[in-house]
């Protein structure tokens, strides 16, 4: 038995489309392990993302 998907491709497409409709050309999407989606827009989307430390 597999776990249900935490997010779907359509969720990502909606986030990108919403950001573009607001006039944000640069968009970076970040998804954490729980499936929470975060959109980073504008000049911050081009910044180097912070390193992820694995335990």
C-alpha atoms as a PDB file:
ATOM      1  CA  UNK A   1       0.000   0.000   0.000  1.00  0.00           C
ATOM      2  CA  UNK A   2       1.372   3.394  -0.914  1.00  0.00           C
ATOM      3  CA  UNK A   3       0.817   6.731   0.786  1.00  0.00           C
ATOM      4  CA  UNK A   4      -1.332   9.324  -0.979  1.00  0.00           C
ATOM      5  CA  UNK A   5       0.537  12.024  -2.862  1.00  0.00           C
ATOM      6  CA  UNK A   6       1.343  15.077  -0.763  1.00  0.00           C
ATOM      7  CA  UNK A   7       1.114  17.358  -3.777  1.00  0.00           C
ATOM      8  CA  UNK A   8       0.220  17.050  -7.411  1.00  0.00           C
ATOM      9  CA  UNK A   9       1.653  18.490 -10.586  1.00  0.00           C
ATOM     10  CA  UNK A  10      -1.510  20.576 -10.956  1.00  0.00           C
ATOM     11  CA  UNK A  11      -0.746  22.205  -7.575  1.00  0.00           C
ATOM     12  CA  UNK A  12       2.659  23.310  -8.857  1.00  0.00           C
ATOM     13  CA  UNK A  13       1.175  24.540 -12.140  1.00  0.00           C
ATOM     14  CA  UNK A  14      -1.380  26.639 -10.211  1.00  0.00           C
ATOM     15  CA  UNK A  15       1.332  28.245  -8.080  1.00  0.00           C
ATOM     16  CA  UNK A  16       3.449  29.134 -11.120  1.00  0.00           C
ATOM     17  CA  UNK A  17       0.462  30.463 -13.071  1.00  0.00           C
ATOM     18  CA  UNK A  18      -0.670  32.593 -10.099  1.00  0.00           C
ATOM     19  CA  UNK A  19       2.805  34.101  -9.724  1.00  0.00           C
ATOM     20  CA  UNK A  20       3.001  34.887 -13.445  1.00  0.00           C
ATOM     21  CA  UNK A  21      -0.475  36.468 -13.379  1.00  0.00           C
ATOM     22  CA  UNK A  22       0.747  38.791 -10.611  1.00  0.00           C
ATOM     23  CA  UNK A  23       3.590  39.922 -12.868  1.00  0.00           C
ATOM     24  CA  UNK A  24       6.383  37.921 -11.251  1.00  0.00           C
ATOM     25  CA  UNK A  25       8.616  36.583 -13.986  1.00  0.00           C
ATOM     26  CA  UNK A  26      11.073  34.713 -11.782  1.00  0.00           C
ATOM     27  CA  UNK A  27       9.554  31.968  -9.660  1.00  0.00           C
ATOM     28  CA  UNK A  28      11.202  29.278  -7.571  1.00  0.00           C
ATOM     29  CA  UNK A  29       9.079  26.571  -5.960  1.00  0.00           C
ATOM     30  CA  UNK A  30      10.112  24.894  -2.726  1.00  0.00           C
ATOM     31  CA  UNK A  31       8.327  21.825  -1.347  1.00  0.00           C
ATOM     32  CA  UNK A  32       9.097  20.458   2.109  1.00  0.00           C
ATOM     33  CA  UNK A  33       8.761  16.854   3.230  1.00  0.00           C
ATOM     34  CA  UNK A  34       5.199  17.379   4.475  1.00  0.00           C
ATOM     35  CA  UNK A  35       4.135  18.601   1.015  1.00  0.00           C
ATOM     36  CA  UNK A  36       3.846  22.296   1.894  1.00  0.00           C
ATOM     37  CA  UNK A  37       4.451  24.386  -1.222  1.00  0.00           C
ATOM     38  CA  UNK A  38       6.265  27.724  -1.033  1.00  0.00           C
ATOM     39  CA  UNK A  39       6.682  30.100  -3.975  1.00  0.00           C
ATOM     40  CA  UNK A  40       9.668  32.445  -3.942  1.00  0.00           C
ATOM     41  CA  UNK A  41       9.242  35.227  -6.484  1.00  0.00           C
ATOM     42  CA  UNK A  42      11.122  38.216  -7.850  1.00  0.00           C
ATOM     43  CA  UNK A  43      14.841  38.723  -7.377  1.00  0.00           C
ATOM     44  CA  UNK A  44      14.832  36.356  -4.380  1.00  0.00           C
ATOM     45  CA  UNK A  45      14.030  33.502  -6.781  1.00  0.00           C
ATOM     46  CA  UNK A  46      17.482  33.889  -8.298  1.00  0.00           C
ATOM     47  CA  UNK A  47      19.339  33.798  -4.960  1.00  0.00           C
ATOM     48  CA  UNK A  48      21.266  30.728  -3.940  1.00  0.00           C
ATOM     49  CA  UNK A  49      18.950  28.547  -1.843  1.00  0.00           C
ATOM     50  CA  UNK A  50      20.215  27.686   1.637  1.00  0.00           C
ATOM     51  CA  UNK A  51      21.945  24.366   2.077  1.00  0.00           C
ATOM     52  CA  UNK A  52      19.881  21.541   3.500  1.00  0.00           C
ATOM     53  CA  UNK A  53      21.512  19.633   6.331  1.00  0.00           C
ATOM     54  CA  UNK A  54      20.745  15.930   6.425  1.00  0.00           C
ATOM     55  CA  UNK A  55      20.949  14.048   9.682  1.00  0.00           C
END
